[in-house]
Amino acid sequence: MARVCQITGKRPQVGNNVSHSNNKTRRRFLPNLQKKRFYLPEEDKWITLKVSASAIRTINKNGITSVLKKARENGNVLV
């Protein structure tokens, strides 16, 4: 699962580069993915996830356990 956020499921999007003369060529918009370790106190272990920057903010706000629970319900997380 390269270039896919394991929490939100964000993937690369496609679009166009548009030049000054209005020529269009295809391009990809990649998500801002980071490899990050999180500590799970319930299981007393560390897990490494490939998550987007917005997912890191969501984890900081809501907590890793609730975010992982919701991601497992959506079928995004592999851990």
PDB file of N, CA and C in Angstrom:
ATOM      1  N   MET A   1       0.833  -1.192   0.000  1.00  0.00           N
ATOM      2  CA  MET A   1       0.000   0.000   0.000  1.00  0.00           C
ATOM      3  C   MET A   1       0.875   1.253   0.000  1.00  0.00           C
ATOM      4  N   ALA A   2       1.540   1.470  -1.082  1.00  0.00           N
ATOM      5  CA  ALA A   2       2.408   2.631  -1.171  1.00  0.00           C
ATOM      6  C   ALA A   2       1.584   3.901  -1.339  1.00  0.00           C
ATOM      7  N   ARG A   3       2.014   4.964  -0.697  1.00  0.00           N
ATOM      8  CA  ARG A   3       1.408   6.293  -0.813  1.00  0.00           C
ATOM      9  C   ARG A   3      -0.074   6.307  -0.459  1.00  0.00           C
ATOM     10  N   VAL A   4      -0.443   5.527   0.559  1.00  0.00           N
ATOM     11  CA  VAL A   4      -1.815   5.526   1.056  1.00  0.00           C
ATOM     12  C   VAL A   4      -1.758   5.699   2.563  1.00  0.00           C
ATOM     13  N   CYS A   5      -2.536   6.645   3.081  1.00  0.00           N
ATOM     14  CA  CYS A   5      -2.599   6.861   4.528  1.00  0.00           C
ATOM     15  C   CYS A   5      -3.350   5.705   5.164  1.00  0.00           C
ATOM     16  N   GLN A   6      -2.784   5.130   6.216  1.00  0.00           N
ATOM     17  CA  GLN A   6      -3.390   3.975   6.861  1.00  0.00           C
ATOM     18  C   GLN A   6      -4.540   4.360   7.784  1.00  0.00           C
ATOM     19  N   ILE A   7      -4.711   5.634   8.083  1.00  0.00           N
ATOM     20  CA  ILE A   7      -5.813   6.076   8.936  1.00  0.00           C
ATOM     21  C   ILE A   7      -6.958   6.632   8.103  1.00  0.00           C
ATOM     22  N   THR A   8      -6.666   7.580   7.236  1.00  0.00           N
ATOM     23  CA  THR A   8      -7.726   8.241   6.481  1.00  0.00           C
ATOM     24  C   THR A   8      -7.982   7.606   5.120  1.00  0.00           C
ATOM     25  N   GLY A   9      -7.034   6.818   4.611  1.00  0.00           N
ATOM     26  CA  GLY A   9      -7.193   6.214   3.300  1.00  0.00           C
ATOM     27  C   GLY A   9      -6.903   7.158   2.149  1.00  0.00           C
ATOM     28  N   LYS A  10      -6.281   8.296   2.447  1.00  0.00           N
ATOM     29  CA  LYS A  10      -5.949   9.244   1.379  1.00  0.00           C
ATOM     30  C   LYS A  10      -4.985   8.613   0.395  1.00  0.00           C
ATOM     31  N   ARG A  11      -5.239   8.861  -0.920  1.00  0.00           N
ATOM     32  CA  ARG A  11      -4.426   8.327  -2.001  1.00  0.00           C
ATOM     33  C   ARG A  11      -3.996   9.473  -2.908  1.00  0.00           C
ATOM     34  N   PRO A  12      -3.056   9.221  -3.830  1.00  0.00           N
ATOM     35  CA  PRO A  12      -2.714  10.265  -4.796  1.00  0.00           C
ATOM     36  C   PRO A  12      -3.910  10.620  -5.671  1.00  0.00           C
ATOM     37  N   GLN A  13      -4.036  11.915  -5.983  1.00  0.00           N
ATOM     38  CA  GLN A  13      -5.060  12.380  -6.902  1.00  0.00           C
ATOM     39  C   GLN A  13      -4.381  12.788  -8.200  1.00  0.00           C
ATOM     40  N   VAL A  14      -5.150  12.857  -9.272  1.00  0.00           N
ATOM     41  CA  VAL A  14      -4.589  13.242 -10.561  1.00  0.00           C
ATOM     42  C   VAL A  14      -5.193  14.562 -11.006  1.00  0.00           C
ATOM     43  N   GLY A  15      -4.420  15.298 -11.784  1.00  0.00           N
ATOM     44  CA  GLY A  15      -4.871  16.582 -12.291  1.00  0.00           C
ATOM     45  C   GLY A  15      -3.986  16.999 -13.448  1.00  0.00           C
ATOM     46  N   ASN A  16      -3.970  18.276 -13.740  1.00  0.00           N
ATOM     47  CA  ASN A  16      -3.208  18.801 -14.854  1.00  0.00           C
ATOM     48  C   ASN A  16      -2.235  19.871 -14.394  1.00  0.00           C
ATOM     49  N   ASN A  17      -1.032  19.885 -15.017  1.00  0.00           N
ATOM     50  CA  ASN A  17      -0.182  21.063 -15.008  1.00  0.00           C
ATOM     51  C   ASN A  17      -0.682  21.945 -16.141  1.00  0.00           C
ATOM     52  N   VAL A  18      -0.932  23.204 -15.873  1.00  0.00           N
ATOM     53  CA  VAL A  18      -1.415  24.120 -16.902  1.00  0.00           C
ATOM     54  C   VAL A  18      -0.361  25.198 -17.093  1.00  0.00           C
ATOM     55  N   SER A  19       0.175  25.265 -18.311  1.00  0.00           N
ATOM     56  CA  SER A  19       1.226  26.230 -18.607  1.00  0.00           C
ATOM     57  C   SER A  19       0.615  27.603 -18.902  1.00  0.00           C
ATOM     58  N   HIS A  20       1.500  28.572 -19.084  1.00  0.00           N
ATOM     59  CA  HIS A  20       1.050  29.923 -19.401  1.00  0.00           C
ATOM     60  C   HIS A  20       0.308  29.961 -20.741  1.00  0.00           C
ATOM     61  N   SER A  21       0.706  29.081 -21.655  1.00  0.00           N
ATOM     62  CA  SER A  21       0.024  29.009 -22.954  1.00  0.00           C
ATOM     63  C   SER A  21      -1.171  28.051 -22.918  1.00  0.00           C
ATOM     64  N   ASN A  22      -1.573  27.646 -21.714  1.00  0.00           N
ATOM     65  CA  ASN A  22      -2.750  26.802 -21.467  1.00  0.00           C
ATOM     66  C   ASN A  22      -2.586  25.376 -22.002  1.00  0.00           C
ATOM     67  N   ASN A  23      -1.323  24.917 -22.152  1.00  0.00           N
ATOM     68  CA  ASN A  23      -1.089  23.505 -22.458  1.00  0.00           C
ATOM     69  C   ASN A  23      -1.280  22.700 -21.184  1.00  0.00           C
ATOM     70  N   LYS A  24      -1.900  21.535 -21.298  1.00  0.00           N
ATOM     71  CA  LYS A  24      -2.200  20.715 -20.133  1.00  0.00           C
ATOM     72  C   LYS A  24      -1.451  19.391 -20.221  1.00  0.00           C
ATOM     73  N   THR A  25      -0.726  19.047 -19.154  1.00  0.00           N
ATOM     74  CA  THR A  25      -0.075  17.754 -19.037  1.00  0.00           C
ATOM     75  C   THR A  25      -0.498  17.141 -17.712  1.00  0.00           C
ATOM     76  N   ARG A  26      -0.615  15.820 -17.681  1.00  0.00           N
ATOM     77  CA  ARG A  26      -1.096  15.142 -16.484  1.00  0.00           C
ATOM     78  C   ARG A  26      -0.052  15.185 -15.369  1.00  0.00           C
ATOM     79  N   ARG A  27      -0.520  15.241 -14.141  1.00  0.00           N
ATOM     80  CA  ARG A  27       0.352  15.209 -12.969  1.00  0.00           C
ATOM     81  C   ARG A  27      -0.360  14.523 -11.831  1.00  0.00           C
ATOM     82  N   ARG A  28       0.377  14.253 -10.760  1.00  0.00           N
ATOM     83  CA  ARG A  28      -0.185  13.610  -9.577  1.00  0.00           C
ATOM     84  C   ARG A  28      -0.022  14.535  -8.378  1.00  0.00           C
ATOM     85  N   PHE A  29      -1.052  14.590  -7.549  1.00  0.00           N
ATOM     86  CA  PHE A  29      -1.002  15.291  -6.273  1.00  0.00           C
ATOM     87  C   PHE A  29      -0.846  14.224  -5.204  1.00  0.00           C
ATOM     88  N   LEU A  30       0.336  14.173  -4.571  1.00  0.00           N
ATOM     89  CA  LEU A  30       0.612  13.138  -3.578  1.00  0.00           C
ATOM     90  C   LEU A  30       0.213  13.617  -2.185  1.00  0.00           C
ATOM     91  N   PRO A  31      -0.326  12.727  -1.353  1.00  0.00           N
ATOM     92  CA  PRO A  31      -0.643  13.119   0.025  1.00  0.00           C
ATOM     93  C   PRO A  31       0.637  13.305   0.836  1.00  0.00           C
ATOM     94  N   ASN A  32       0.549  14.137   1.862  1.00  0.00           N
ATOM     95  CA  ASN A  32       1.702  14.425   2.716  1.00  0.00           C
ATOM     96  C   ASN A  32       1.833  13.309   3.749  1.00  0.00           C
ATOM     97  N   LEU A  33       2.500  12.206   3.373  1.00  0.00           N
ATOM     98  CA  LEU A  33       2.604  11.027   4.237  1.00  0.00           C
ATOM     99  C   LEU A  33       3.885  11.056   5.052  1.00  0.00           C
ATOM    100  N   GLN A  34       3.765  10.625   6.297  1.00  0.00           N
ATOM    101  CA  GLN A  34       4.888  10.529   7.214  1.00  0.00           C
ATOM    102  C   GLN A  34       4.847   9.151   7.865  1.00  0.00           C
ATOM    103  N   LYS A  35       6.026   8.597   8.136  1.00  0.00           N
ATOM    104  CA  LYS A  35       6.119   7.354   8.887  1.00  0.00           C
ATOM    105  C   LYS A  35       6.252   7.730  10.354  1.00  0.00           C
ATOM    106  N   LYS A  36       5.316   7.282  11.191  1.00  0.00           N
ATOM    107  CA  LYS A  36       5.258   7.749  12.578  1.00  0.00           C
ATOM    108  C   LYS A  36       4.988   6.583  13.508  1.00  0.00           C
ATOM    109  N   ARG A  37       5.649   6.587  14.659  1.00  0.00           N
ATOM    110  CA  ARG A  37       5.430   5.574  15.691  1.00  0.00           C
ATOM    111  C   ARG A  37       4.454   6.108  16.722  1.00  0.00           C
ATOM    112  N   PHE A  38       3.524   5.252  17.132  1.00  0.00           N
ATOM    113  CA  PHE A  38       2.541   5.601  18.155  1.00  0.00           C
ATOM    114  C   PHE A  38       2.569   4.536  19.236  1.00  0.00           C
ATOM    115  N   TYR A  39       2.381   4.977  20.479  1.00  0.00           N
ATOM    116  CA  TYR A  39       2.361   4.055  21.613  1.00  0.00           C
ATOM    117  C   TYR A  39       0.930   3.721  21.965  1.00  0.00           C
ATOM    118  N   LEU A  40       0.640   2.424  22.071  1.00  0.00           N
ATOM    119  CA  LEU A  40      -0.683   1.959  22.482  1.00  0.00           C
ATOM    120  C   LEU A  40      -0.598   1.507  23.934  1.00  0.00           C
ATOM    121  N   PRO A  41      -1.117   2.317  24.870  1.00  0.00           N
ATOM    122  CA  PRO A  41      -0.990   1.938  26.282  1.00  0.00           C
ATOM    123  C   PRO A  41      -1.824   0.710  26.643  1.00  0.00           C
ATOM    124  N   GLU A  42      -2.939   0.471  25.953  1.00  0.00           N
ATOM    125  CA  GLU A  42      -3.767  -0.692  26.266  1.00  0.00           C
ATOM    126  C   GLU A  42      -3.051  -2.000  25.955  1.00  0.00           C
ATOM    127  N   GLU A  43      -2.296  -2.013  24.853  1.00  0.00           N
ATOM    128  CA  GLU A  43      -1.570  -3.213  24.452  1.00  0.00           C
ATOM    129  C   GLU A  43      -0.106  -3.161  24.879  1.00  0.00           C
ATOM    130  N   ASP A  44       0.333  -2.030  25.451  1.00  0.00           N
ATOM    131  CA  ASP A  44       1.697  -1.819  25.914  1.00  0.00           C
ATOM    132  C   ASP A  44       2.718  -2.106  24.813  1.00  0.00           C
ATOM    133  N   LYS A  45       2.488  -1.515  23.615  1.00  0.00           N
ATOM    134  CA  LYS A  45       3.432  -1.697  22.517  1.00  0.00           C
ATOM    135  C   LYS A  45       3.399  -0.483  21.612  1.00  0.00           C
ATOM    136  N   TRP A  46       4.443  -0.377  20.781  1.00  0.00           N
ATOM    137  CA  TRP A  46       4.561   0.684  19.784  1.00  0.00           C
ATOM    138  C   TRP A  46       4.147   0.131  18.429  1.00  0.00           C
ATOM    139  N   ILE A  47       3.472   0.958  17.630  1.00  0.00           N
ATOM    140  CA  ILE A  47       3.148   0.588  16.261  1.00  0.00           C
ATOM    141  C   ILE A  47       3.647   1.694  15.333  1.00  0.00           C
ATOM    142  N   THR A  48       4.046   1.312  14.133  1.00  0.00           N
ATOM    143  CA  THR A  48       4.498   2.271  13.131  1.00  0.00           C
ATOM    144  C   THR A  48       3.449   2.336  12.042  1.00  0.00           C
ATOM    145  N   LEU A  49       2.977   3.546  11.763  1.00  0.00           N
ATOM    146  CA  LEU A  49       1.964   3.756  10.740  1.00  0.00           C
ATOM    147  C   LEU A  49       2.467   4.760   9.715  1.00  0.00           C
ATOM    148  N   LYS A  50       2.033   4.602   8.471  1.00  0.00           N
ATOM    149  CA  LYS A  50       2.286   5.592   7.431  1.00  0.00           C
ATOM    150  C   LYS A  50       1.023   6.441   7.342  1.00  0.00           C
ATOM    151  N   VAL A  51       1.082   7.663   7.900  1.00  0.00           N
ATOM    152  CA  VAL A  51      -0.103   8.500   8.033  1.00  0.00           C
ATOM    153  C   VAL A  51       0.128   9.866   7.399  1.00  0.00           C
ATOM    154  N   SER A  52      -0.970  10.496   7.003  1.00  0.00           N
ATOM    155  CA  SER A  52      -0.891  11.846   6.456  1.00  0.00           C
ATOM    156  C   SER A  52      -0.764  12.846   7.597  1.00  0.00           C
ATOM    157  N   ALA A  53      -0.367  14.059   7.260  1.00  0.00           N
ATOM    158  CA  ALA A  53      -0.206  15.106   8.272  1.00  0.00           C
ATOM    159  C   ALA A  53      -1.539  15.425   8.932  1.00  0.00           C
ATOM    160  N   SER A  54      -2.628  15.387   8.162  1.00  0.00           N
ATOM    161  CA  SER A  54      -3.945  15.651   8.750  1.00  0.00           C
ATOM    162  C   SER A  54      -4.358  14.525   9.694  1.00  0.00           C
ATOM    163  N   ALA A  55      -3.935  13.286   9.411  1.00  0.00           N
ATOM    164  CA  ALA A  55      -4.234  12.170  10.314  1.00  0.00           C
ATOM    165  C   ALA A  55      -3.472  12.314  11.624  1.00  0.00           C
ATOM    166  N   ILE A  56      -2.252  12.837  11.578  1.00  0.00           N
ATOM    167  CA  ILE A  56      -1.481  13.065  12.808  1.00  0.00           C
ATOM    168  C   ILE A  56      -2.199  14.085  13.681  1.00  0.00           C
ATOM    169  N   ARG A  57      -2.748  15.130  13.051  1.00  0.00           N
ATOM    170  CA  ARG A  57      -3.499  16.127  13.818  1.00  0.00           C
ATOM    171  C   ARG A  57      -4.762  15.520  14.420  1.00  0.00           C
ATOM    172  N   THR A  58      -5.421  14.646  13.684  1.00  0.00           N
ATOM    173  CA  THR A  58      -6.616  13.982  14.200  1.00  0.00           C
ATOM    174  C   THR A  58      -6.266  13.091  15.383  1.00  0.00           C
ATOM    175  N   ILE A  59      -5.142  12.381  15.298  1.00  0.00           N
ATOM    176  CA  ILE A  59      -4.704  11.518  16.393  1.00  0.00           C
ATOM    177  C   ILE A  59      -4.371  12.350  17.623  1.00  0.00           C
ATOM    178  N   ASN A  60      -3.714  13.496  17.433  1.00  0.00           N
ATOM    179  CA  ASN A  60      -3.395  14.368  18.560  1.00  0.00           C
ATOM    180  C   ASN A  60      -4.657  14.892  19.222  1.00  0.00           C
ATOM    181  N   LYS A  61      -5.695  15.125  18.448  1.00  0.00           N
ATOM    182  CA  LYS A  61      -6.935  15.684  18.984  1.00  0.00           C
ATOM    183  C   LYS A  61      -7.784  14.634  19.679  1.00  0.00           C
ATOM    184  N   ASN A  62      -7.976  13.463  19.030  1.00  0.00           N
ATOM    185  CA  ASN A  62      -8.927  12.466  19.526  1.00  0.00           C
ATOM    186  C   ASN A  62      -8.299  11.290  20.255  1.00  0.00           C
ATOM    187  N   GLY A  63      -6.994  11.095  20.119  1.00  0.00           N
ATOM    188  CA  GLY A  63      -6.336   9.960  20.752  1.00  0.00           C
ATOM    189  C   GLY A  63      -6.175   8.802  19.784  1.00  0.00           C
ATOM    190  N   ILE A  64      -5.092   8.046  19.955  1.00  0.00           N
ATOM    191  CA  ILE A  64      -4.751   6.984  19.015  1.00  0.00           C
ATOM    192  C   ILE A  64      -5.739   5.831  19.076  1.00  0.00           C
ATOM    193  N   THR A  65      -6.263   5.505  20.250  1.00  0.00           N
ATOM    194  CA  THR A  65      -7.138   4.335  20.355  1.00  0.00           C
ATOM    195  C   THR A  65      -8.473   4.568  19.665  1.00  0.00           C
ATOM    196  N   SER A  66      -9.058   5.753  19.849  1.00  0.00           N
ATOM    197  CA  SER A  66     -10.346   6.018  19.205  1.00  0.00           C
ATOM    198  C   SER A  66     -10.188   6.154  17.694  1.00  0.00           C
ATOM    199  N   VAL A  67      -9.075   6.740  17.240  1.00  0.00           N
ATOM    200  CA  VAL A  67      -8.842   6.892  15.808  1.00  0.00           C
ATOM    201  C   VAL A  67      -8.601   5.525  15.164  1.00  0.00           C
ATOM    202  N   LEU A  68      -7.830   4.651  15.836  1.00  0.00           N
ATOM    203  CA  LEU A  68      -7.591   3.308  15.305  1.00  0.00           C
ATOM    204  C   LEU A  68      -8.884   2.506  15.243  1.00  0.00           C
ATOM    205  N   LYS A  69      -9.728   2.656  16.250  1.00  0.00           N
ATOM    206  CA  LYS A  69     -11.003   1.939  16.270  1.00  0.00           C
ATOM    207  C   LYS A  69     -11.866   2.355  15.083  1.00  0.00           C
ATOM    208  N   LYS A  70     -11.951   3.658  14.833  1.00  0.00           N
ATOM    209  CA  LYS A  70     -12.751   4.159  13.715  1.00  0.00           C
ATOM    210  C   LYS A  70     -12.143   3.752  12.375  1.00  0.00           C
ATOM    211  N   ALA A  71     -10.800   3.742  12.274  1.00  0.00           N
ATOM    212  CA  ALA A  71     -10.145   3.357  11.026  1.00  0.00           C
ATOM    213  C   ALA A  71     -10.350   1.873  10.742  1.00  0.00           C
ATOM    214  N   ARG A  72     -10.359   1.048  11.794  1.00  0.00           N
ATOM    215  CA  ARG A  72     -10.611  -0.388  11.593  1.00  0.00           C
ATOM    216  C   ARG A  72     -12.037  -0.627  11.122  1.00  0.00           C
ATOM    217  N   GLU A  73     -12.990   0.172  11.610  1.00  0.00           N
ATOM    218  CA  GLU A  73     -14.368   0.054  11.144  1.00  0.00           C
ATOM    219  C   GLU A  73     -14.481   0.409   9.662  1.00  0.00           C
ATOM    220  N   ASN A  74     -13.695   1.391   9.213  1.00  0.00           N
ATOM    221  CA  ASN A  74     -13.714   1.785   7.806  1.00  0.00           C
ATOM    222  C   ASN A  74     -12.884   0.876   6.919  1.00  0.00           C
ATOM    223  N   GLY A  75     -12.074   0.003   7.538  1.00  0.00           N
ATOM    224  CA  GLY A  75     -11.257  -0.932   6.773  1.00  0.00           C
ATOM    225  C   GLY A  75      -9.977  -0.336   6.243  1.00  0.00           C
ATOM    226  N   ASN A  76      -9.455   0.732   6.861  1.00  0.00           N
ATOM    227  CA  ASN A  76      -8.242   1.383   6.361  1.00  0.00           C
ATOM    228  C   ASN A  76      -6.974   0.853   6.999  1.00  0.00           C
ATOM    229  N   VAL A  77      -7.035   0.448   8.264  1.00  0.00           N
ATOM    230  CA  VAL A  77      -5.813   0.130   8.999  1.00  0.00           C
ATOM    231  C   VAL A  77      -5.443  -1.338   8.812  1.00  0.00           C
ATOM    232  N   LEU A  78      -4.127  -1.620   8.671  1.00  0.00           N
ATOM    233  CA  LEU A  78      -3.661  -2.996   8.488  1.00  0.00           C
ATOM    234  C   LEU A  78      -3.161  -3.615   9.779  1.00  0.00           C
ATOM    235  N   VAL A  79      -2.916  -2.816  10.804  1.00  0.00           N
ATOM    236  CA  VAL A  79      -2.297  -3.299  12.036  1.00  0.00           C
ATOM    237  C   VAL A  79      -3.311  -4.021  12.890  1.00  0.00           C
TER     238      VAL A  79
END
